[in-house]
């Protein structure tokens, strides 16, 4: 009873092709502020779309946290009629104002930009009435 080498070669070839298709360096696994600016300011529609999709993804994640009752450390409350395009412009203006954010991961810059432009209304303190007898 011998070992059929084909049973090892086919999965090995598939595994190798999957590994090679993701052969970008680990540092490219995230988007920096500078990367986001480059995408948003591109003349290529697919890059601008990638920029807006990134901003939309950060917004979606934040809204999900809010809906679960998780209190994000940086919170924002967007108007219902805010477009993704306007949100992306808000982020670009923030990154232009704070260029030092360019070397860091873009997601916190997106949340800080939107929080600065669209802060949530402060919660009113709960007043408890005590009866005096």
C-alpha atoms as a PDB file:
ATOM      1  CA  UNK A   1       0.000   0.000   0.000  1.00  0.00           C
ATOM      2  CA  UNK A   2       1.801   3.100  -1.257  1.00  0.00           C
ATOM      3  CA  UNK A   3       1.180   6.766  -0.753  1.00  0.00           C
ATOM      4  CA  UNK A   4      -0.438   8.501  -3.697  1.00  0.00           C
ATOM      5  CA  UNK A   5       1.672  11.628  -4.247  1.00  0.00           C
ATOM      6  CA  UNK A   6      -1.181  13.312  -6.115  1.00  0.00           C
ATOM      7  CA  UNK A   7      -3.109  13.542  -2.848  1.00  0.00           C
ATOM      8  CA  UNK A   8      -0.271  15.715  -1.490  1.00  0.00           C
ATOM      9  CA  UNK A   9       0.569  17.676  -4.638  1.00  0.00           C
ATOM     10  CA  UNK A  10      -2.887  19.051  -5.405  1.00  0.00           C
ATOM     11  CA  UNK A  11      -3.573  20.509  -1.909  1.00  0.00           C
ATOM     12  CA  UNK A  12       0.029  21.740  -1.784  1.00  0.00           C
ATOM     13  CA  UNK A  13      -0.299  23.513  -5.129  1.00  0.00           C
ATOM     14  CA  UNK A  14      -3.580  25.103  -4.043  1.00  0.00           C
ATOM     15  CA  UNK A  15      -2.055  26.229  -0.748  1.00  0.00           C
ATOM     16  CA  UNK A  16       0.980  27.690  -2.498  1.00  0.00           C
ATOM     17  CA  UNK A  17      -1.150  29.605  -4.982  1.00  0.00           C
ATOM     18  CA  UNK A  18      -3.252  31.043  -2.147  1.00  0.00           C
ATOM     19  CA  UNK A  19      -0.093  32.085  -0.253  1.00  0.00           C
ATOM     20  CA  UNK A  20       1.387  33.724  -3.337  1.00  0.00           C
ATOM     21  CA  UNK A  21      -1.788  35.663  -4.051  1.00  0.00           C
ATOM     22  CA  UNK A  22      -1.476  37.298  -0.613  1.00  0.00           C
ATOM     23  CA  UNK A  23       2.235  37.958  -0.845  1.00  0.00           C
ATOM     24  CA  UNK A  24       2.061  41.646   0.111  1.00  0.00           C
ATOM     25  CA  UNK A  25       4.110  42.630   3.150  1.00  0.00           C
ATOM     26  CA  UNK A  26       2.433  42.521   6.558  1.00  0.00           C
ATOM     27  CA  UNK A  27       2.770  46.305   6.848  1.00  0.00           C
ATOM     28  CA  UNK A  28       0.349  46.659   3.932  1.00  0.00           C
ATOM     29  CA  UNK A  29      -2.383  44.942   5.948  1.00  0.00           C
ATOM     30  CA  UNK A  30      -3.715  48.315   7.095  1.00  0.00           C
ATOM     31  CA  UNK A  31      -4.422  51.694   5.546  1.00  0.00           C
ATOM     32  CA  UNK A  32      -2.552  54.748   6.807  1.00  0.00           C
ATOM     33  CA  UNK A  33      -3.889  58.275   6.721  1.00  0.00           C
ATOM     34  CA  UNK A  34      -1.481  59.024   3.870  1.00  0.00           C
ATOM     35  CA  UNK A  35      -2.763  55.976   1.959  1.00  0.00           C
ATOM     36  CA  UNK A  36      -6.332  57.181   2.407  1.00  0.00           C
ATOM     37  CA  UNK A  37      -5.488  60.692   1.197  1.00  0.00           C
ATOM     38  CA  UNK A  38      -3.747  59.234  -1.853  1.00  0.00           C
ATOM     39  CA  UNK A  39      -6.811  57.130  -2.680  1.00  0.00           C
ATOM     40  CA  UNK A  40      -9.281  59.962  -2.116  1.00  0.00           C
ATOM     41  CA  UNK A  41      -7.301  62.468  -4.189  1.00  0.00           C
ATOM     42  CA  UNK A  42      -6.742  60.070  -7.069  1.00  0.00           C
ATOM     43  CA  UNK A  43      -8.071  60.709 -10.561  1.00  0.00           C
ATOM     44  CA  UNK A  44      -8.919  57.012 -10.839  1.00  0.00           C
ATOM     45  CA  UNK A  45     -12.549  56.260 -10.039  1.00  0.00           C
ATOM     46  CA  UNK A  46     -11.777  52.886  -8.451  1.00  0.00           C
ATOM     47  CA  UNK A  47      -9.358  54.507  -5.972  1.00  0.00           C
ATOM     48  CA  UNK A  48     -11.837  57.230  -5.042  1.00  0.00           C
ATOM     49  CA  UNK A  49     -14.460  54.502  -4.586  1.00  0.00           C
ATOM     50  CA  UNK A  50     -12.014  52.607  -2.333  1.00  0.00           C
ATOM     51  CA  UNK A  51     -11.565  55.770  -0.253  1.00  0.00           C
ATOM     52  CA  UNK A  52     -15.297  56.260   0.187  1.00  0.00           C
ATOM     53  CA  UNK A  53     -15.762  52.566   0.949  1.00  0.00           C
ATOM     54  CA  UNK A  54     -13.115  52.776   3.666  1.00  0.00           C
ATOM     55  CA  UNK A  55     -14.828  55.773   5.271  1.00  0.00           C
ATOM     56  CA  UNK A  56     -18.197  54.012   4.976  1.00  0.00           C
ATOM     57  CA  UNK A  57     -16.755  50.911   6.643  1.00  0.00           C
ATOM     58  CA  UNK A  58     -15.487  52.916   9.613  1.00  0.00           C
ATOM     59  CA  UNK A  59     -18.893  54.618   9.898  1.00  0.00           C
ATOM     60  CA  UNK A  60     -20.692  51.261   9.700  1.00  0.00           C
ATOM     61  CA  UNK A  61     -18.497  49.841  12.452  1.00  0.00           C
ATOM     62  CA  UNK A  62     -19.124  52.863  14.667  1.00  0.00           C
ATOM     63  CA  UNK A  63     -22.892  52.649  14.134  1.00  0.00           C
ATOM     64  CA  UNK A  64     -22.777  48.942  14.950  1.00  0.00           C
ATOM     65  CA  UNK A  65     -20.963  49.707  18.224  1.00  0.00           C
ATOM     66  CA  UNK A  66     -23.560  52.347  19.069  1.00  0.00           C
ATOM     67  CA  UNK A  67     -26.445  49.977  18.299  1.00  0.00           C
ATOM     68  CA  UNK A  68     -24.956  47.320  20.570  1.00  0.00           C
ATOM     69  CA  UNK A  69     -24.748  49.800  23.423  1.00  0.00           C
ATOM     70  CA  UNK A  70     -20.969  49.766  23.356  1.00  0.00           C
ATOM     71  CA  UNK A  71     -19.638  53.190  24.177  1.00  0.00           C
ATOM     72  CA  UNK A  72     -16.899  54.015  21.666  1.00  0.00           C
ATOM     73  CA  UNK A  73     -14.092  56.109  23.126  1.00  0.00           C
ATOM     74  CA  UNK A  74     -14.450  58.553  20.217  1.00  0.00           C
ATOM     75  CA  UNK A  75     -18.094  58.930  19.288  1.00  0.00           C
ATOM     76  CA  UNK A  76     -19.830  60.859  16.548  1.00  0.00           C
ATOM     77  CA  UNK A  77     -23.442  61.380  15.563  1.00  0.00           C
ATOM     78  CA  UNK A  78     -23.938  61.879  11.842  1.00  0.00           C
ATOM     79  CA  UNK A  79     -26.923  63.676  10.360  1.00  0.00           C
ATOM     80  CA  UNK A  80     -29.317  61.346   8.557  1.00  0.00           C
ATOM     81  CA  UNK A  81     -28.789  63.134   5.252  1.00  0.00           C
ATOM     82  CA  UNK A  82     -24.961  63.034   5.291  1.00  0.00           C
ATOM     83  CA  UNK A  83     -23.581  61.454   2.122  1.00  0.00           C
ATOM     84  CA  UNK A  84     -20.504  59.248   2.076  1.00  0.00           C
ATOM     85  CA  UNK A  85     -18.906  61.774  -0.279  1.00  0.00           C
ATOM     86  CA  UNK A  86     -19.349  64.594   2.260  1.00  0.00           C
ATOM     87  CA  UNK A  87     -18.091  62.348   5.079  1.00  0.00           C
ATOM     88  CA  UNK A  88     -14.979  61.540   2.999  1.00  0.00           C
ATOM     89  CA  UNK A  89     -14.409  65.254   2.316  1.00  0.00           C
ATOM     90  CA  UNK A  90     -14.683  65.908   6.062  1.00  0.00           C
ATOM     91  CA  UNK A  91     -12.025  63.269   6.681  1.00  0.00           C
ATOM     92  CA  UNK A  92      -9.757  64.702   3.962  1.00  0.00           C
ATOM     93  CA  UNK A  93     -10.009  68.199   5.454  1.00  0.00           C
ATOM     94  CA  UNK A  94      -9.101  66.768   8.856  1.00  0.00           C
ATOM     95  CA  UNK A  95      -6.094  64.910   7.456  1.00  0.00           C
ATOM     96  CA  UNK A  96      -5.003  68.071   5.657  1.00  0.00           C
ATOM     97  CA  UNK A  97      -5.239  70.014   8.928  1.00  0.00           C
ATOM     98  CA  UNK A  98      -3.425  67.278  10.898  1.00  0.00           C
ATOM     99  CA  UNK A  99      -0.835  65.824   8.483  1.00  0.00           C
ATOM    100  CA  UNK A 100       0.902  63.979  11.340  1.00  0.00           C
ATOM    101  CA  UNK A 101      -2.012  61.506  11.179  1.00  0.00           C
ATOM    102  CA  UNK A 102      -0.737  60.376   7.782  1.00  0.00           C
ATOM    103  CA  UNK A 103       1.712  57.842   9.171  1.00  0.00           C
ATOM    104  CA  UNK A 104      -0.813  56.197  11.494  1.00  0.00           C
ATOM    105  CA  UNK A 105      -3.684  53.809  10.810  1.00  0.00           C
ATOM    106  CA  UNK A 106      -6.464  55.756   9.067  1.00  0.00           C
ATOM    107  CA  UNK A 107      -9.473  54.411  11.011  1.00  0.00           C
ATOM    108  CA  UNK A 108      -8.853  56.492  14.173  1.00  0.00           C
ATOM    109  CA  UNK A 109      -8.326  59.592  12.025  1.00  0.00           C
ATOM    110  CA  UNK A 110     -11.678  58.940  10.335  1.00  0.00           C
ATOM    111  CA  UNK A 111     -13.447  58.678  13.695  1.00  0.00           C
ATOM    112  CA  UNK A 112     -11.676  61.760  15.099  1.00  0.00           C
ATOM    113  CA  UNK A 113     -12.501  63.789  11.968  1.00  0.00           C
ATOM    114  CA  UNK A 114     -16.150  62.831  12.130  1.00  0.00           C
ATOM    115  CA  UNK A 115     -16.317  63.391  15.884  1.00  0.00           C
ATOM    116  CA  UNK A 116     -14.859  66.861  15.453  1.00  0.00           C
ATOM    117  CA  UNK A 117     -17.343  67.733  12.693  1.00  0.00           C
ATOM    118  CA  UNK A 118     -20.366  65.857  14.082  1.00  0.00           C
ATOM    119  CA  UNK A 119     -20.110  65.512  17.852  1.00  0.00           C
ATOM    120  CA  UNK A 120     -22.935  63.842  19.719  1.00  0.00           C
ATOM    121  CA  UNK A 121     -25.062  66.071  21.888  1.00  0.00           C
ATOM    122  CA  UNK A 122     -23.955  65.830  25.501  1.00  0.00           C
ATOM    123  CA  UNK A 123     -26.140  63.583  27.580  1.00  0.00           C
ATOM    124  CA  UNK A 124     -28.161  65.370  30.179  1.00  0.00           C
ATOM    125  CA  UNK A 125     -27.396  64.215  33.700  1.00  0.00           C
ATOM    126  CA  UNK A 126     -30.076  62.183  35.364  1.00  0.00           C
ATOM    127  CA  UNK A 127     -31.502  64.084  38.276  1.00  0.00           C
ATOM    128  CA  UNK A 128     -32.791  62.052  41.113  1.00  0.00           C
ATOM    129  CA  UNK A 129     -35.285  63.534  43.451  1.00  0.00           C
ATOM    130  CA  UNK A 130     -34.962  62.499  47.036  1.00  0.00           C
ATOM    131  CA  UNK A 131     -37.876  62.720  49.334  1.00  0.00           C
ATOM    132  CA  UNK A 132     -37.227  64.388  52.587  1.00  0.00           C
ATOM    133  CA  UNK A 133     -39.366  63.336  55.460  1.00  0.00           C
END
